[in-house]
Amino acid sequence: QGVIVEEGASVSYSVLLPGVRVERGAQVRYAILGENCRVGAE
């Protein structure tokens, strides 16, 4: 719930817990992201 994946960002084979934000151009691969994490642009 409440996960945000911005334009240009990509997420694959991953588990994103509530409130995660993946910003523009960022990439997340084979990962587990805890609640309310932020992955900055690029």
PDB file of all heavy atoms in Angstrom:
ATOM      1  N   GLN A   1       0.824  -1.207   0.000  1.00  0.00           N
ATOM      2  CA  GLN A   1       0.000   0.000   0.000  1.00  0.00           C
ATOM      3  C   GLN A   1       0.863   1.264   0.000  1.00  0.00           C
ATOM      4  O   GLN A   1       1.865   1.354   0.703  1.00  0.00           O
ATOM      5  CB  GLN A   1      -0.889  -0.031   1.236  1.00  0.00           C
ATOM      6  CG  GLN A   1      -2.064   0.901   1.200  1.00  0.00           C
ATOM      7  CD  GLN A   1      -3.031   0.585   2.324  1.00  0.00           C
ATOM      8  OE1 GLN A   1      -2.635   0.257   3.429  1.00  0.00           O
ATOM      9  NE2 GLN A   1      -4.316   0.706   2.060  1.00  0.00           N
ATOM     10  N   GLY A   2       0.472   2.244  -0.818  1.00  0.00           N
ATOM     11  CA  GLY A   2       1.118   3.546  -0.794  1.00  0.00           C
ATOM     12  C   GLY A   2       2.484   3.619  -1.428  1.00  0.00           C
ATOM     13  O   GLY A   2       3.226   4.585  -1.218  1.00  0.00           O
ATOM     14  N   VAL A   3       2.862   2.629  -2.234  1.00  0.00           N
ATOM     15  CA  VAL A   3       4.165   2.656  -2.904  1.00  0.00           C
ATOM     16  C   VAL A   3       4.099   3.581  -4.120  1.00  0.00           C
ATOM     17  O   VAL A   3       3.110   3.592  -4.854  1.00  0.00           O
ATOM     18  CB  VAL A   3       4.587   1.237  -3.330  1.00  0.00           C
ATOM     19  CG1 VAL A   3       5.775   1.285  -4.292  1.00  0.00           C
ATOM     20  CG2 VAL A   3       4.938   0.396  -2.110  1.00  0.00           C
ATOM     21  N   ILE A   4       5.161   4.342  -4.335  1.00  0.00           N
ATOM     22  CA  ILE A   4       5.239   5.258  -5.481  1.00  0.00           C
ATOM     23  C   ILE A   4       6.448   4.895  -6.332  1.00  0.00           C
ATOM     24  O   ILE A   4       7.570   4.803  -5.819  1.00  0.00           O
ATOM     25  CB  ILE A   4       5.343   6.721  -5.007  1.00  0.00           C
ATOM     26  CG1 ILE A   4       4.073   7.120  -4.239  1.00  0.00           C
ATOM     27  CG2 ILE A   4       5.584   7.652  -6.191  1.00  0.00           C
ATOM     28  CD1 ILE A   4       4.156   8.502  -3.603  1.00  0.00           C
ATOM     29  N   VAL A   5       6.207   4.671  -7.615  1.00  0.00           N
ATOM     30  CA  VAL A   5       7.283   4.429  -8.580  1.00  0.00           C
ATOM     31  C   VAL A   5       7.177   5.523  -9.635  1.00  0.00           C
ATOM     32  O   VAL A   5       6.250   5.537 -10.447  1.00  0.00           O
ATOM     33  CB  VAL A   5       7.157   3.037  -9.225  1.00  0.00           C
ATOM     34  CG1 VAL A   5       8.297   2.819 -10.227  1.00  0.00           C
ATOM     35  CG2 VAL A   5       7.182   1.939  -8.159  1.00  0.00           C
ATOM     36  N   GLU A   6       8.124   6.458  -9.608  1.00  0.00           N
ATOM     37  CA  GLU A   6       8.038   7.620 -10.482  1.00  0.00           C
ATOM     38  C   GLU A   6       8.392   7.280 -11.932  1.00  0.00           C
ATOM     39  O   GLU A   6       8.974   6.227 -12.229  1.00  0.00           O
ATOM     40  CB  GLU A   6       8.958   8.728  -9.961  1.00  0.00           C
ATOM     41  CG  GLU A   6       8.529   9.283  -8.605  1.00  0.00           C
ATOM     42  CD  GLU A   6       9.389  10.457  -8.161  1.00  0.00           C
ATOM     43  OE1 GLU A   6      10.315  10.849  -8.914  1.00  0.00           O
ATOM     44  OE2 GLU A   6       9.124  11.006  -7.067  1.00  0.00           O
ATOM     45  N   GLU A   7       8.055   8.183 -12.835  1.00  0.00           N
ATOM     46  CA  GLU A   7       8.325   7.998 -14.260  1.00  0.00           C
ATOM     47  C   GLU A   7       9.824   7.801 -14.490  1.00  0.00           C
ATOM     48  O   GLU A   7      10.660   8.499 -13.904  1.00  0.00           O
ATOM     49  CB  GLU A   7       7.827   9.210 -15.049  1.00  0.00           C
ATOM     50  CG  GLU A   7       7.948   9.051 -16.555  1.00  0.00           C
ATOM     51  CD  GLU A   7       7.328  10.203 -17.315  1.00  0.00           C
ATOM     52  OE1 GLU A   7       6.509  10.945 -16.723  1.00  0.00           O
ATOM     53  OE2 GLU A   7       7.661  10.373 -18.504  1.00  0.00           O
ATOM     54  N   GLY A   8      10.159   6.833 -15.329  1.00  0.00           N
ATOM     55  CA  GLY A   8      11.550   6.548 -15.628  1.00  0.00           C
ATOM     56  C   GLY A   8      12.210   5.604 -14.642  1.00  0.00           C
ATOM     57  O   GLY A   8      13.310   5.110 -14.884  1.00  0.00           O
ATOM     58  N   ALA A   9      11.563   5.333 -13.511  1.00  0.00           N
ATOM     59  CA  ALA A   9      12.089   4.382 -12.529  1.00  0.00           C
ATOM     60  C   ALA A   9      11.662   2.968 -12.918  1.00  0.00           C
ATOM     61  O   ALA A   9      10.658   2.776 -13.606  1.00  0.00           O
ATOM     62  CB  ALA A   9      11.591   4.718 -11.130  1.00  0.00           C
ATOM     63  N   SER A  10      12.417   1.970 -12.464  1.00  0.00           N
ATOM     64  CA  SER A  10      12.051   0.585 -12.756  1.00  0.00           C
ATOM     65  C   SER A  10      12.288  -0.291 -11.536  1.00  0.00           C
ATOM     66  O   SER A  10      13.253  -0.097 -10.789  1.00  0.00           O
ATOM     67  CB  SER A  10      12.846   0.055 -13.956  1.00  0.00           C
ATOM     68  OG  SER A  10      14.229   0.012 -13.680  1.00  0.00           O
ATOM     69  N   VAL A  11      11.392  -1.251 -11.364  1.00  0.00           N
ATOM     70  CA  VAL A  11      11.444  -2.183 -10.238  1.00  0.00           C
ATOM     71  C   VAL A  11      11.240  -3.581 -10.804  1.00  0.00           C
ATOM     72  O   VAL A  11      10.272  -3.817 -11.550  1.00  0.00           O
ATOM     73  CB  VAL A  11      10.342  -1.877  -9.204  1.00  0.00           C
ATOM     74  CG1 VAL A  11      10.344  -2.927  -8.092  1.00  0.00           C
ATOM     75  CG2 VAL A  11      10.519  -0.477  -8.626  1.00  0.00           C
ATOM     76  N   SER A  12      12.122  -4.517 -10.476  1.00  0.00           N
ATOM     77  CA  SER A  12      11.947  -5.878 -10.965  1.00  0.00           C
ATOM     78  C   SER A  12      12.375  -6.887  -9.903  1.00  0.00           C
ATOM     79  O   SER A  12      13.332  -6.655  -9.159  1.00  0.00           O
ATOM     80  CB  SER A  12      12.733  -6.112 -12.258  1.00  0.00           C
ATOM     81  OG  SER A  12      14.108  -5.921 -12.068  1.00  0.00           O
ATOM     82  N   TYR A  13      11.639  -7.983  -9.821  1.00  0.00           N
ATOM     83  CA  TYR A  13      11.917  -9.077  -8.894  1.00  0.00           C
ATOM     84  C   TYR A  13      12.193  -8.551  -7.474  1.00  0.00           C
ATOM     85  O   TYR A  13      13.155  -8.937  -6.831  1.00  0.00           O
ATOM     86  CB  TYR A  13      13.098  -9.918  -9.386  1.00  0.00           C
ATOM     87  CG  TYR A  13      12.789 -10.691 -10.652  1.00  0.00           C
ATOM     88  CD1 TYR A  13      13.101 -10.166 -11.899  1.00  0.00           C
ATOM     89  CD2 TYR A  13      12.157 -11.925 -10.587  1.00  0.00           C
ATOM     90  CE1 TYR A  13      12.796 -10.866 -13.071  1.00  0.00           C
ATOM     91  CE2 TYR A  13      11.852 -12.630 -11.754  1.00  0.00           C
ATOM     92  CZ  TYR A  13      12.168 -12.096 -12.980  1.00  0.00           C
ATOM     93  OH  TYR A  13      11.870 -12.787 -14.128  1.00  0.00           O
ATOM     94  N   SER A  14      11.312  -7.666  -7.030  1.00  0.00           N
ATOM     95  CA  SER A  14      11.525  -7.037  -5.729  1.00  0.00           C
ATOM     96  C   SER A  14      10.243  -6.991  -4.918  1.00  0.00           C
ATOM     97  O   SER A  14       9.139  -7.130  -5.450  1.00  0.00           O
ATOM     98  CB  SER A  14      12.081  -5.620  -5.907  1.00  0.00           C
ATOM     99  OG  SER A  14      13.369  -5.659  -6.488  1.00  0.00           O
ATOM    100  N   VAL A  15      10.407  -6.795  -3.614  1.00  0.00           N
ATOM    101  CA  VAL A  15       9.294  -6.679  -2.678  1.00  0.00           C
ATOM    102  C   VAL A  15       9.401  -5.317  -2.011  1.00  0.00           C
ATOM    103  O   VAL A  15      10.387  -5.036  -1.316  1.00  0.00           O
ATOM    104  CB  VAL A  15       9.338  -7.802  -1.619  1.00  0.00           C
ATOM    105  CG1 VAL A  15       8.192  -7.639  -0.633  1.00  0.00           C
ATOM    106  CG2 VAL A  15       9.306  -9.174  -2.282  1.00  0.00           C
ATOM    107  N   LEU A  16       8.407  -4.463  -2.236  1.00  0.00           N
ATOM    108  CA  LEU A  16       8.400  -3.110  -1.684  1.00  0.00           C
ATOM    109  C   LEU A  16       7.303  -3.031  -0.630  1.00  0.00           C
ATOM    110  O   LEU A  16       6.126  -3.224  -0.934  1.00  0.00           O
ATOM    111  CB  LEU A  16       8.166  -2.077  -2.792  1.00  0.00           C
ATOM    112  CG  LEU A  16       9.399  -1.631  -3.606  1.00  0.00           C
ATOM    113  CD1 LEU A  16      10.143  -2.800  -4.218  1.00  0.00           C
ATOM    114  CD2 LEU A  16       9.001  -0.627  -4.672  1.00  0.00           C
ATOM    115  N   LEU A  17       7.689  -2.766   0.596  1.00  0.00           N
ATOM    116  CA  LEU A  17       6.743  -2.699   1.709  1.00  0.00           C
ATOM    117  C   LEU A  17       6.070  -1.324   1.734  1.00  0.00           C
ATOM    118  O   LEU A  17       6.430  -0.423   0.967  1.00  0.00           O
ATOM    119  CB  LEU A  17       7.475  -3.021   3.005  1.00  0.00           C
ATOM    120  CG  LEU A  17       8.173  -4.399   3.028  1.00  0.00           C
ATOM    121  CD1 LEU A  17       8.687  -4.735   4.416  1.00  0.00           C
ATOM    122  CD2 LEU A  17       7.271  -5.517   2.516  1.00  0.00           C
ATOM    123  N   PRO A  18       5.055  -1.126   2.577  1.00  0.00           N
ATOM    124  CA  PRO A  18       4.238   0.099   2.497  1.00  0.00           C
ATOM    125  C   PRO A  18       5.037   1.397   2.554  1.00  0.00           C
ATOM    126  O   PRO A  18       5.997   1.537   3.305  1.00  0.00           O
ATOM    127  CB  PRO A  18       3.322  -0.029   3.717  1.00  0.00           C
ATOM    128  CG  PRO A  18       3.175  -1.501   3.919  1.00  0.00           C
ATOM    129  CD  PRO A  18       4.531  -2.062   3.585  1.00  0.00           C
ATOM    130  N   GLY A  19       4.604   2.350   1.715  1.00  0.00           N
ATOM    131  CA  GLY A  19       5.153   3.699   1.768  1.00  0.00           C
ATOM    132  C   GLY A  19       6.474   3.917   1.066  1.00  0.00           C
ATOM    133  O   GLY A  19       7.057   5.001   1.157  1.00  0.00           O
ATOM    134  N   VAL A  20       6.979   2.925   0.335  1.00  0.00           N
ATOM    135  CA  VAL A  20       8.266   3.082  -0.367  1.00  0.00           C
ATOM    136  C   VAL A  20       8.090   4.037  -1.547  1.00  0.00           C
ATOM    137  O   VAL A  20       7.075   4.026  -2.243  1.00  0.00           O
ATOM    138  CB  VAL A  20       8.781   1.712  -0.855  1.00  0.00           C
ATOM    139  CG1 VAL A  20       9.934   1.886  -1.844  1.00  0.00           C
ATOM    140  CG2 VAL A  20       9.221   0.849   0.324  1.00  0.00           C
ATOM    141  N   ARG A  21       9.119   4.852  -1.786  1.00  0.00           N
ATOM    142  CA  ARG A  21       9.142   5.737  -2.952  1.00  0.00           C
ATOM    143  C   ARG A  21      10.406   5.471  -3.765  1.00  0.00           C
ATOM    144  O   ARG A  21      11.518   5.515  -3.214  1.00  0.00           O
ATOM    145  CB  ARG A  21       9.115   7.209  -2.524  1.00  0.00           C
ATOM    146  CG  ARG A  21       9.254   8.200  -3.707  1.00  0.00           C
ATOM    147  CD  ARG A  21       9.314   9.639  -3.232  1.00  0.00           C
ATOM    148  NE  ARG A  21       8.034  10.106  -2.753  1.00  0.00           N
ATOM    149  CZ  ARG A  21       7.099  10.698  -3.494  1.00  0.00           C
ATOM    150  NH1 ARG A  21       7.317  10.888  -4.796  1.00  0.00           N
ATOM    151  NH2 ARG A  21       5.968  11.103  -2.962  1.00  0.00           N
ATOM    152  N   VAL A  22      10.224   5.190  -5.056  1.00  0.00           N
ATOM    153  CA  VAL A  22      11.344   4.996  -5.973  1.00  0.00           C
ATOM    154  C   VAL A  22      11.300   6.160  -6.958  1.00  0.00           C
ATOM    155  O   VAL A  22      10.376   6.269  -7.770  1.00  0.00           O
ATOM    156  CB  VAL A  22      11.246   3.645  -6.713  1.00  0.00           C
ATOM    157  CG1 VAL A  22      12.461   3.450  -7.623  1.00  0.00           C
ATOM    158  CG2 VAL A  22      11.149   2.484  -5.712  1.00  0.00           C
ATOM    159  N   GLU A  23      12.298   7.031  -6.880  1.00  0.00           N
ATOM    160  CA  GLU A  23      12.245   8.276  -7.638  1.00  0.00           C
ATOM    161  C   GLU A  23      12.712   8.119  -9.083  1.00  0.00           C
ATOM    162  O   GLU A  23      13.248   7.080  -9.482  1.00  0.00           O
ATOM    163  CB  GLU A  23      13.059   9.348  -6.912  1.00  0.00           C
ATOM    164  CG  GLU A  23      12.456   9.698  -5.546  1.00  0.00           C
ATOM    165  CD  GLU A  23      13.185  10.826  -4.847  1.00  0.00           C
ATOM    166  OE1 GLU A  23      14.301  11.189  -5.285  1.00  0.00           O
ATOM    167  OE2 GLU A  23      12.644  11.360  -3.857  1.00  0.00           O
ATOM    168  N   ARG A  24      12.503   9.156  -9.838  1.00  0.00           N
ATOM    169  CA  ARG A  24      12.740   9.196 -11.283  1.00  0.00           C
ATOM    170  C   ARG A  24      14.122   8.627 -11.649  1.00  0.00           C
ATOM    171  O   ARG A  24      15.150   9.035 -11.102  1.00  0.00           O
ATOM    172  CB  ARG A  24      12.624  10.634 -11.763  1.00  0.00           C
ATOM    173  CG  ARG A  24      12.712  10.834 -13.284  1.00  0.00           C
ATOM    174  CD  ARG A  24      12.566  12.306 -13.618  1.00  0.00           C
ATOM    175  NE  ARG A  24      11.258  12.805 -13.174  1.00  0.00           N
ATOM    176  CZ  ARG A  24      10.173  12.810 -13.936  1.00  0.00           C
ATOM    177  NH1 ARG A  24      10.238  12.357 -15.176  1.00  0.00           N
ATOM    178  NH2 ARG A  24       9.030  13.295 -13.470  1.00  0.00           N
ATOM    179  N   GLY A  25      14.123   7.666 -12.577  1.00  0.00           N
ATOM    180  CA  GLY A  25      15.373   7.124 -13.097  1.00  0.00           C
ATOM    181  C   GLY A  25      16.053   6.088 -12.216  1.00  0.00           C
ATOM    182  O   GLY A  25      17.065   5.508 -12.614  1.00  0.00           O
ATOM    183  N   ALA A  26      15.520   5.837 -11.023  1.00  0.00           N
ATOM    184  CA  ALA A  26      16.137   4.851 -10.126  1.00  0.00           C
ATOM    185  C   ALA A  26      15.814   3.431 -10.597  1.00  0.00           C
ATOM    186  O   ALA A  26      14.805   3.192 -11.268  1.00  0.00           O
ATOM    187  CB  ALA A  26      15.654   5.059  -8.695  1.00  0.00           C
ATOM    188  N   GLN A  27      16.669   2.486 -10.218  1.00  0.00           N
ATOM    189  CA  GLN A  27      16.452   1.079 -10.542  1.00  0.00           C
ATOM    190  C   GLN A  27      16.551   0.238  -9.278  1.00  0.00           C
ATOM    191  O   GLN A  27      17.480   0.405  -8.485  1.00  0.00           O
ATOM    192  CB  GLN A  27      17.493   0.595 -11.559  1.00  0.00           C
ATOM    193  CG  GLN A  27      17.378   1.227 -12.928  1.00  0.00           C
ATOM    194  CD  GLN A  27      18.402   0.664 -13.898  1.00  0.00           C
ATOM    195  OE1 GLN A  27      19.137  -0.273 -13.585  1.00  0.00           O
ATOM    196  NE2 GLN A  27      18.457   1.242 -15.094  1.00  0.00           N
ATOM    197  N   VAL A  28      15.584  -0.670  -9.117  1.00  0.00           N
ATOM    198  CA  VAL A  28      15.572  -1.599  -7.982  1.00  0.00           C
ATOM    199  C   VAL A  28      15.474  -3.005  -8.553  1.00  0.00           C
ATOM    200  O   VAL A  28      14.530  -3.314  -9.289  1.00  0.00           O
ATOM    201  CB  VAL A  28      14.392  -1.314  -7.029  1.00  0.00           C
ATOM    202  CG1 VAL A  28      14.367  -2.340  -5.902  1.00  0.00           C
ATOM    203  CG2 VAL A  28      14.483   0.103  -6.473  1.00  0.00           C
ATOM    204  N   ARG A  29      16.449  -3.857  -8.233  1.00  0.00           N
ATOM    205  CA  ARG A  29      16.503  -5.211  -8.770  1.00  0.00           C
ATOM    206  C   ARG A  29      16.723  -6.206  -7.631  1.00  0.00           C
ATOM    207  O   ARG A  29      17.633  -6.034  -6.830  1.00  0.00           O
ATOM    208  CB  ARG A  29      17.665  -5.364  -9.755  1.00  0.00           C
ATOM    209  CG  ARG A  29      17.657  -4.406 -10.932  1.00  0.00           C
ATOM    210  CD  ARG A  29      16.679  -4.883 -12.002  1.00  0.00           C
ATOM    211  NE  ARG A  29      16.737  -4.032 -13.180  1.00  0.00           N
ATOM    212  CZ  ARG A  29      15.990  -2.946 -13.362  1.00  0.00           C
ATOM    213  NH1 ARG A  29      15.137  -2.587 -12.410  1.00  0.00           N
ATOM    214  NH2 ARG A  29      16.073  -2.220 -14.454  1.00  0.00           N
ATOM    215  N   TYR A  30      15.920  -7.250  -7.584  1.00  0.00           N
ATOM    216  CA  TYR A  30      16.115  -8.328  -6.614  1.00  0.00           C
ATOM    217  C   TYR A  30      16.403  -7.755  -5.219  1.00  0.00           C
ATOM    218  O   TYR A  30      17.497  -7.914  -4.672  1.00  0.00           O
ATOM    219  CB  TYR A  30      17.255  -9.242  -7.059  1.00  0.00           C
ATOM    220  CG  TYR A  30      16.904 -10.104  -8.255  1.00  0.00           C
ATOM    221  CD1 TYR A  30      17.056  -9.618  -9.553  1.00  0.00           C
ATOM    222  CD2 TYR A  30      16.401 -11.392  -8.080  1.00  0.00           C
ATOM    223  CE1 TYR A  30      16.713 -10.398 -10.653  1.00  0.00           C
ATOM    224  CE2 TYR A  30      16.054 -12.176  -9.178  1.00  0.00           C
ATOM    225  CZ  TYR A  30      16.221 -11.680 -10.464  1.00  0.00           C
ATOM    226  OH  TYR A  30      15.886 -12.450 -11.547  1.00  0.00           O
ATOM    227  N   ALA A  31      15.389  -7.106  -4.676  1.00  0.00           N
ATOM    228  CA  ALA A  31      15.573  -6.409  -3.402  1.00  0.00           C
ATOM    229  C   ALA A  31      14.327  -6.511  -2.535  1.00  0.00           C
ATOM    230  O   ALA A  31      13.224  -6.801  -3.023  1.00  0.00           O
ATOM    231  CB  ALA A  31      15.914  -4.942  -3.653  1.00  0.00           C
ATOM    232  N   ILE A  32      14.515  -6.273  -1.249  1.00  0.00           N
ATOM    233  CA  ILE A  32      13.413  -6.077  -0.305  1.00  0.00           C
ATOM    234  C   ILE A  32      13.607  -4.706   0.304  1.00  0.00           C
ATOM    235  O   ILE A  32      14.647  -4.429   0.911  1.00  0.00           O
ATOM    236  CB  ILE A  32      13.393  -7.137   0.805  1.00  0.00           C
ATOM    237  CG1 ILE A  32      13.289  -8.553   0.223  1.00  0.00           C
ATOM    238  CG2 ILE A  32      12.230  -6.875   1.763  1.00  0.00           C
ATOM    239  CD1 ILE A  32      13.350  -9.651   1.277  1.00  0.00           C
ATOM    240  N   LEU A  33      12.612  -3.833   0.144  1.00  0.00           N
ATOM    241  CA  LEU A  33      12.685  -2.471   0.670  1.00  0.00           C
ATOM    242  C   LEU A  33      11.685  -2.324   1.812  1.00  0.00           C
ATOM    243  O   LEU A  33      10.492  -2.526   1.624  1.00  0.00           O
ATOM    244  CB  LEU A  33      12.386  -1.449  -0.443  1.00  0.00           C
ATOM    245  CG  LEU A  33      13.564  -1.027  -1.331  1.00  0.00           C
ATOM    246  CD1 LEU A  33      14.266  -2.218  -1.958  1.00  0.00           C
ATOM    247  CD2 LEU A  33      13.094  -0.056  -2.412  1.00  0.00           C
ATOM    248  N   GLY A  34      12.204  -1.985   2.999  1.00  0.00           N
ATOM    249  CA  GLY A  34      11.365  -1.844   4.179  1.00  0.00           C
ATOM    250  C   GLY A  34      10.424  -0.650   4.090  1.00  0.00           C
ATOM    251  O   GLY A  34      10.524   0.194   3.185  1.00  0.00           O
ATOM    252  N   GLU A  35       9.512  -0.555   5.035  1.00  0.00           N
ATOM    253  CA  GLU A  35       8.483   0.481   5.016  1.00  0.00           C
ATOM    254  C   GLU A  35       9.090   1.886   4.972  1.00  0.00           C
ATOM    255  O   GLU A  35      10.077   2.188   5.656  1.00  0.00           O
ATOM    256  CB  GLU A  35       7.581   0.353   6.245  1.00  0.00           C
ATOM    257  CG  GLU A  35       6.766  -0.936   6.256  1.00  0.00           C
ATOM    258  CD  GLU A  35       5.776  -0.984   7.401  1.00  0.00           C
ATOM    259  OE1 GLU A  35       4.868  -0.134   7.439  1.00  0.00           O
ATOM    260  OE2 GLU A  35       5.905  -1.877   8.257  1.00  0.00           O
ATOM    261  N   ASN A  36       8.484   2.733   4.136  1.00  0.00           N
ATOM    262  CA  ASN A  36       8.813   4.158   4.041  1.00  0.00           C
ATOM    263  C   ASN A  36      10.254   4.437   3.608  1.00  0.00           C
ATOM    264  O   ASN A  36      10.819   5.483   3.932  1.00  0.00           O
ATOM    265  CB  ASN A  36       8.528   4.861   5.380  1.00  0.00           C
ATOM    266  CG  ASN A  36       7.078   4.739   5.779  1.00  0.00           C
ATOM    267  OD1 ASN A  36       6.180   4.941   4.964  1.00  0.00           O
ATOM    268  ND2 ASN A  36       6.834   4.379   7.025  1.00  0.00           N
ATOM    269  N   CYS A  37      10.846   3.510   2.862  1.00  0.00           N
ATOM    270  CA  CYS A  37      12.159   3.785   2.270  1.00  0.00           C
ATOM    271  C   CYS A  37      12.011   4.773   1.114  1.00  0.00           C
ATOM    272  O   CYS A  37      10.960   4.876   0.485  1.00  0.00           O
ATOM    273  CB  CYS A  37      12.775   2.494   1.702  1.00  0.00           C
ATOM    274  SG  CYS A  37      13.443   1.390   2.930  1.00  0.00           S
ATOM    275  N   ARG A  38      13.119   5.464   0.832  1.00  0.00           N
ATOM    276  CA  ARG A  38      13.173   6.305  -0.369  1.00  0.00           C
ATOM    277  C   ARG A  38      14.424   5.954  -1.145  1.00  0.00           C
ATOM    278  O   ARG A  38      15.525   5.908  -0.591  1.00  0.00           O
ATOM    279  CB  ARG A  38      13.209   7.790  -0.011  1.00  0.00           C
ATOM    280  CG  ARG A  38      13.212   8.708  -1.257  1.00  0.00           C
ATOM    281  CD  ARG A  38      13.353  10.166  -0.849  1.00  0.00           C
ATOM    282  NE  ARG A  38      14.718  10.489  -0.432  1.00  0.00           N
ATOM    283  CZ  ARG A  38      15.639  11.045  -1.228  1.00  0.00           C
ATOM    284  NH1 ARG A  38      15.351  11.335  -2.480  1.00  0.00           N
ATOM    285  NH2 ARG A  38      16.836  11.336  -0.744  1.00  0.00           N
ATOM    286  N   VAL A  39      14.234   5.669  -2.434  1.00  0.00           N
ATOM    287  CA  VAL A  39      15.365   5.434  -3.326  1.00  0.00           C
ATOM    288  C   VAL A  39      15.456   6.659  -4.227  1.00  0.00           C
ATOM    289  O   VAL A  39      14.572   6.914  -5.056  1.00  0.00           O
ATOM    290  CB  VAL A  39      15.173   4.153  -4.158  1.00  0.00           C
ATOM    291  CG1 VAL A  39      16.344   3.946  -5.102  1.00  0.00           C
ATOM    292  CG2 VAL A  39      15.016   2.939  -3.232  1.00  0.00           C
ATOM    293  N   GLY A  40      16.521   7.445  -4.058  1.00  0.00           N
ATOM    294  CA  GLY A  40      16.654   8.714  -4.755  1.00  0.00           C
ATOM    295  C   GLY A  40      16.808   8.571  -6.256  1.00  0.00           C
ATOM    296  O   GLY A  40      17.107   7.489  -6.792  1.00  0.00           O
ATOM    297  N   ALA A  41      16.606   9.669  -6.952  1.00  0.00           N
ATOM    298  CA  ALA A  41      16.688   9.697  -8.410  1.00  0.00           C
ATOM    299  C   ALA A  41      18.016   9.113  -8.903  1.00  0.00           C
ATOM    300  O   ALA A  41      19.087   9.414  -8.342  1.00  0.00           O
ATOM    301  CB  ALA A  41      16.517  11.127  -8.910  1.00  0.00           C
ATOM    302  N   GLU A  42      17.921   8.269  -9.934  1.00  0.00           N
ATOM    303  CA  GLU A  42      19.077   7.658 -10.607  1.00  0.00           C
ATOM    304  C   GLU A  42      19.888   6.722  -9.713  1.00  0.00           C
ATOM    305  O   GLU A  42      20.962   6.261 -10.098  1.00  0.00           O
ATOM    306  CB  GLU A  42      20.017   8.740 -11.179  1.00  0.00           C
ATOM    307  CG  GLU A  42      19.350   9.727 -12.125  1.00  0.00           C
ATOM    308  CD  GLU A  42      18.789   9.063 -13.374  1.00  0.00           C
ATOM    309  OE1 GLU A  42      19.319   8.017 -13.784  1.00  0.00           O
ATOM    310  OE2 GLU A  42      17.808   9.607 -13.940  1.00  0.00           O
TER     311      GLU A  42
END
